[in-house]
C-alpha atoms as a PDB file:
ATOM      1  CA  MET A   1     -24.547 -39.681  -6.079  1.00  0.00           C
ATOM      2  CA  LEU A   2     -22.364 -42.758  -6.339  1.00  0.00           C
ATOM      3  CA  PHE A   3     -20.968 -44.822  -3.472  1.00  0.00           C
ATOM      4  CA  ASN A   4     -17.436 -43.753  -4.367  1.00  0.00           C
ATOM      5  CA  SER A   5     -18.234 -40.034  -4.783  1.00  0.00           C
ATOM      6  CA  TYR A   6     -16.929 -37.411  -2.392  1.00  0.00           C
ATOM      7  CA  GLU A   7     -20.478 -36.290  -1.595  1.00  0.00           C
ATOM      8  CA  PHE A   8     -21.357 -39.772  -0.396  1.00  0.00           C
ATOM      9  CA  ILE A   9     -18.169 -40.527   1.530  1.00  0.00           C
ATOM     10  CA  PHE A  10     -17.619 -37.170   3.239  1.00  0.00           C
ATOM     11  CA  LEU A  11     -21.150 -35.782   3.547  1.00  0.00           C
ATOM     12  CA  PHE A  12     -23.996 -38.269   3.213  1.00  0.00           C
ATOM     13  CA  LEU A  13     -22.444 -41.298   4.940  1.00  0.00           C
ATOM     14  CA  PRO A  14     -21.257 -39.461   8.089  1.00  0.00           C
ATOM     15  CA  ILE A  15     -24.603 -37.669   8.466  1.00  0.00           C
ATOM     16  CA  MET A  16     -26.514 -40.933   8.156  1.00  0.00           C
ATOM     17  CA  PHE A  17     -24.074 -42.816  10.382  1.00  0.00           C
ATOM     18  CA  PHE A  18     -24.047 -40.328  13.246  1.00  0.00           C
ATOM     19  CA  GLY A  19     -27.770 -39.605  12.931  1.00  0.00           C
ATOM     20  CA  TYR A  20     -28.596 -43.298  13.209  1.00  0.00           C
ATOM     21  CA  PHE A  21     -26.372 -43.902  16.218  1.00  0.00           C
ATOM     22  CA  TYR A  22     -27.580 -40.722  17.924  1.00  0.00           C
ATOM     23  CA  LEU A  23     -31.199 -41.825  17.591  1.00  0.00           C
ATOM     24  CA  THR A  24     -30.329 -45.341  18.727  1.00  0.00           C
ATOM     25  CA  SER A  25     -28.457 -44.023  21.773  1.00  0.00           C
ATOM     26  CA  LYS A  26     -31.605 -42.093  22.752  1.00  0.00           C
ATOM     27  CA  ARG A  27     -33.541 -45.375  22.446  1.00  0.00           C
ATOM     28  CA  LEU A  28     -35.583 -44.035  19.544  1.00  0.00           C
ATOM     29  CA  ILE A  29     -35.610 -47.311  17.623  1.00  0.00           C
ATOM     30  CA  VAL A  30     -38.543 -46.394  15.381  1.00  0.00           C
ATOM     31  CA  GLY A  31     -36.974 -42.998  14.732  1.00  0.00           C
ATOM     32  CA  SER A  32     -33.693 -44.610  13.737  1.00  0.00           C
ATOM     33  CA  LYS A  33     -35.503 -46.888  11.285  1.00  0.00           C
ATOM     34  CA  VAL A  34     -37.377 -43.927   9.813  1.00  0.00           C
ATOM     35  CA  TRP A  35     -34.031 -42.092   9.562  1.00  0.00           C
ATOM     36  CA  LEU A  36     -32.501 -44.965   7.564  1.00  0.00           C
ATOM     37  CA  VAL A  37     -35.502 -45.353   5.263  1.00  0.00           C
ATOM     38  CA  GLY A  38     -35.660 -41.602   4.668  1.00  0.00           C
ATOM     39  CA  GLY A  39     -31.932 -41.479   3.969  1.00  0.00           C
ATOM     40  CA  SER A  40     -32.235 -44.394   1.575  1.00  0.00           C
ATOM     41  CA  LEU A  41     -35.056 -42.704  -0.309  1.00  0.00           C
ATOM     42  CA  PHE A  42     -33.050 -39.480  -0.457  1.00  0.00           C
ATOM     43  CA  PHE A  43     -29.969 -41.335  -1.731  1.00  0.00           C
ATOM     44  CA  TYR A  44     -32.004 -43.191  -4.340  1.00  0.00           C
ATOM     45  CA  SER A  45     -33.758 -40.056  -5.566  1.00  0.00           C
ATOM     46  CA  TRP A  46     -30.549 -37.987  -5.712  1.00  0.00           C
ATOM     47  CA  TRP A  47     -29.702 -39.375  -9.145  1.00  0.00           C
ATOM     48  CA  ASN A  48     -33.175 -39.005 -10.658  1.00  0.00           C
ATOM     49  CA  VAL A  49     -36.299 -38.317  -8.616  1.00  0.00           C
ATOM     50  CA  ILE A  50     -38.529 -39.802 -11.308  1.00  0.00           C
ATOM     51  CA  TYR A  51     -37.559 -43.306 -10.139  1.00  0.00           C
ATOM     52  CA  LEU A  52     -38.707 -42.672  -6.569  1.00  0.00           C
ATOM     53  CA  PRO A  53     -42.313 -43.847  -7.204  1.00  0.00           C
ATOM     54  CA  LEU A  54     -40.903 -47.107  -8.561  1.00  0.00           C
ATOM     55  CA  LEU A  55     -38.964 -47.683  -5.350  1.00  0.00           C
ATOM     56  CA  LEU A  56     -41.918 -46.702  -3.165  1.00  0.00           C
ATOM     57  CA  GLY A  57     -44.208 -49.028  -5.119  1.00  0.00           C
ATOM     58  CA  SER A  58     -41.740 -51.867  -4.699  1.00  0.00           C
ATOM     59  CA  MET A  59     -41.456 -51.184  -0.976  1.00  0.00           C
ATOM     60  CA  ILE A  60     -45.232 -51.155  -0.506  1.00  0.00           C
ATOM     61  CA  PHE A  61     -45.692 -54.301  -2.586  1.00  0.00           C
ATOM     62  CA  ASN A  62     -43.019 -56.215  -0.663  1.00  0.00           C
ATOM     63  CA  TYR A  63     -44.416 -55.020   2.658  1.00  0.00           C
ATOM     64  CA  LEU A  64     -47.926 -56.209   1.766  1.00  0.00           C
ATOM     65  CA  VAL A  65     -46.693 -59.585   0.517  1.00  0.00           C
ATOM     66  CA  GLY A  66     -44.639 -59.992   3.697  1.00  0.00           C
ATOM     67  CA  LYS A  67     -47.662 -59.170   5.839  1.00  0.00           C
ATOM     68  CA  SER A  68     -49.780 -61.701   3.960  1.00  0.00           C
ATOM     69  CA  LEU A  69     -47.084 -64.356   4.441  1.00  0.00           C
ATOM     70  CA  GLU A  70     -47.027 -63.592   8.146  1.00  0.00           C
ATOM     71  CA  HIS A  71     -50.613 -64.743   8.571  1.00  0.00           C
ATOM     72  CA  LYS A  72     -50.912 -67.442   5.955  1.00  0.00           C
ATOM     73  CA  ALA A  73     -47.696 -68.719   4.408  1.00  0.00           C
ATOM     74  CA  THR A  74     -48.752 -70.440   1.210  1.00  0.00           C
ATOM     75  CA  LYS A  75     -46.531 -71.461  -1.654  1.00  0.00           C
ATOM     76  CA  TYR A  76     -48.614 -69.277  -3.974  1.00  0.00           C
ATOM     77  CA  MET A  77     -48.009 -66.079  -1.994  1.00  0.00           C
ATOM     78  CA  LEU A  78     -44.327 -66.879  -1.520  1.00  0.00           C
ATOM     79  CA  THR A  79     -43.887 -67.451  -5.251  1.00  0.00           C
ATOM     80  CA  PHE A  80     -45.872 -64.281  -6.021  1.00  0.00           C
ATOM     81  CA  GLY A  81     -43.641 -62.261  -3.705  1.00  0.00           C
ATOM     82  CA  ILE A  82     -40.441 -63.620  -5.208  1.00  0.00           C
ATOM     83  CA  VAL A  83     -41.535 -63.067  -8.803  1.00  0.00           C
END
């Protein structure tokens, strides 16, 4: 699915848009974040699901580096996270 495809513009984008704002209006902030992450993973895997583990690995790696920077921000960890 491409950003300029009919599936994205008329199906995926409105579902994600209204789903996010519905969850936010119900004050389900964590649910709205999960909705966006799930939609992003679905969008990414639509083209080829074999690349989904690569994205998940990147997300986990960046999350762990961010958590380590939260407690102890060293130049080494910052450089490691950027590279």
